[in-house]
Every structure is written in C-alpha cells, then in structure tokens.
Protein backbone atom coordinates (compact mmCIF):
# COMPACT_ATOMS: atom_id res chain seq x y z
CA MET A 1 10.66 -5.96 -58.09
CA GLU A 2 9.72 -7.39 -54.72
CA PHE A 3 7.21 -5.66 -52.48
CA VAL A 4 7.66 -5.84 -48.73
CA ASN A 5 4.55 -5.95 -46.60
CA ASN A 6 6.05 -4.52 -43.40
CA PRO A 7 4.59 -1.59 -41.49
CA SER A 8 6.55 1.63 -41.50
CA THR A 9 8.57 2.63 -38.48
CA GLY A 10 6.39 5.72 -38.02
CA LEU A 11 3.26 3.58 -37.76
CA GLN A 12 4.98 1.27 -35.28
CA VAL A 13 6.03 4.23 -33.11
CA GLY A 14 2.48 5.60 -33.17
CA VAL A 15 1.04 2.25 -32.13
CA SER A 16 3.73 1.97 -29.44
CA VAL A 17 2.82 5.36 -27.95
CA ALA A 18 -0.89 4.53 -27.96
CA LEU A 19 -0.30 1.16 -26.29
CA LEU A 20 2.10 2.73 -23.79
CA VAL A 21 -0.61 5.16 -22.67
CA VAL A 22 -3.08 2.29 -22.22
CA ASP A 23 -0.46 0.22 -20.36
CA LEU A 24 0.33 3.08 -17.99
CA LEU A 25 -3.37 3.59 -17.26
CA VAL A 26 -3.69 -0.11 -16.43
CA LEU A 27 -0.62 0.04 -14.18
CA VAL A 28 -1.92 3.13 -12.36
CA GLY A 29 -5.29 1.45 -11.85
CA LEU A 30 -3.69 -1.68 -10.46
CA LEU A 31 -1.42 0.34 -8.16
CA TYR A 32 -4.49 2.23 -6.92
CA GLY A 33 -6.25 -1.08 -6.25
CA PHE A 34 -3.21 -2.38 -4.37
CA GLY A 35 -3.19 0.80 -2.28
CA ILE A 36 -6.88 0.39 -1.46
CA TYR A 37 -6.34 -3.22 -0.42
CA GLY A 38 -3.37 -2.19 1.71
CA TRP A 39 -5.40 0.59 3.31
CA ALA A 40 -8.31 -1.77 3.99
CA ASP A 41 -5.94 -4.32 5.53
CA GLY A 42 -5.27 -1.78 8.28
CA PHE A 43 -8.91 -2.10 9.33
CA ASN A 44 -9.05 -5.87 8.86
CA GLY A 45 -8.86 -6.67 12.54
CA GLY A 46 -6.24 -9.42 12.70
CA ASN A 47 -7.37 -11.33 9.61
CA ALA A 48 -4.89 -12.29 6.90
CA PRO A 49 -3.95 -9.33 4.69
CA GLU A 50 -5.48 -9.31 1.22
CA ALA A 51 -3.04 -6.90 -0.48
CA PRO A 52 -0.39 -9.56 -1.25
CA GLY A 53 -3.01 -11.71 -2.97
CA PHE A 54 -4.11 -8.76 -5.07
CA ALA A 55 -0.48 -8.08 -6.01
CA TRP A 56 0.04 -11.72 -7.10
CA ARG A 57 -3.13 -11.61 -9.23
CA ALA A 58 -2.00 -8.31 -10.78
CA MET A 59 1.44 -9.81 -11.46
CA TRP A 60 -0.06 -12.77 -13.32
CA PHE A 61 -2.44 -10.49 -15.22
CA LEU A 62 0.42 -8.28 -16.37
CA ALA A 63 2.74 -11.19 -17.18
CA GLY A 64 0.02 -12.81 -19.28
CA GLY A 65 -0.70 -9.52 -21.00
CA ALA A 66 2.98 -9.05 -21.78
CA ALA A 67 3.25 -12.55 -23.24
CA VAL A 68 0.08 -12.31 -25.32
CA THR A 69 0.34 -8.76 -26.63
CA GLY A 70 4.12 -8.45 -26.81
CA GLY A 71 4.61 -11.92 -28.20
CA GLY A 72 1.74 -11.49 -30.63
CA LEU A 73 3.10 -8.21 -31.96
CA LEU A 74 6.56 -9.72 -32.32
CA ALA A 75 5.05 -12.69 -34.16
CA LEU A 76 3.33 -10.24 -36.52
CA ARG A 77 6.77 -8.69 -37.15
CA TRP A 78 6.02 -5.45 -35.33
CA PRO A 79 9.21 -5.30 -33.25
CA VAL A 80 8.87 -1.78 -31.84
CA PRO A 81 5.39 -2.09 -30.24
CA GLY A 82 6.08 -5.73 -29.27
CA THR A 83 9.19 -4.72 -27.38
CA VAL A 84 7.39 -1.79 -25.72
CA GLN A 85 4.62 -4.14 -24.56
CA LEU A 86 7.07 -6.71 -23.22
CA LEU A 87 9.08 -4.09 -21.34
CA THR A 88 6.15 -2.11 -19.96
CA LEU A 89 3.87 -4.96 -18.91
CA GLY A 90 6.79 -7.20 -17.95
CA GLY A 91 8.23 -4.43 -15.80
CA GLY A 92 4.83 -3.97 -14.18
CA ALA A 93 4.68 -7.70 -13.47
CA VAL A 94 8.09 -7.54 -11.79
CA LEU A 95 6.93 -4.51 -9.77
CA PHE A 96 3.86 -6.34 -8.48
CA ALA A 97 5.89 -9.48 -7.73
CA CYS A 98 8.17 -7.34 -5.57
CA LEU A 99 5.18 -5.68 -3.89
CA ALA A 100 3.61 -9.07 -3.16
CA ALA A 101 6.84 -10.45 -1.74
CA SER A 102 7.46 -7.43 0.48
CA ALA A 103 3.87 -7.21 1.74
CA ARG A 104 3.88 -10.69 3.29
C-alpha cells in the first residue's frame, strides 16, 4: 500500500482563504498609498508627479510576491493556494501597471 503525502483539498482551501484575506489587505493598503500620492501630487506645485512611481514600485512588489508565493506553493504541490496567489497578486500587479501607465 502506497501512502500519498499530499495535503487535503479542505486544508488547501483554508490556506487559500487565509492568504486571500492577507492579499486583499495588502492591495487595499497599496491602493490607499497610491491615492495619497495622487492627492499629494495636486499640491506638488509643478514638480513631477510621484504617484506613477509609487504605482510602478507596487506593481513590481506584487509581481515578485506572486512569483515567489504562488510559484513556491505550486512547487510544493499545493495547486489551489498557489493558483489563488498567482491570480490575486498577479491581478494586482496588472492593476498597478495600468494605474502607472494612465497616471503619466
């Protein structure tokens, strides 16, 4: 009889939900920071706006997080949380890339 050392689907779903909550909190915090930078750019007095730079940094942060956490979970054979991480953080990276491109 061969024993399989794979996590159960229920455990993977639980980890996915927990990571999704953390990911959404990070995305909300970064969106708040982007809003603050955009608001402060209104009072910047003709200097170059700083909000696009913040959006590019947030995009790279999220893309790196998606690659490390999502790829790591997939390498550990946890497909459900790995896919959730790739989709959530990767989608956030695309969102911030669009914000950075439109704010220039």
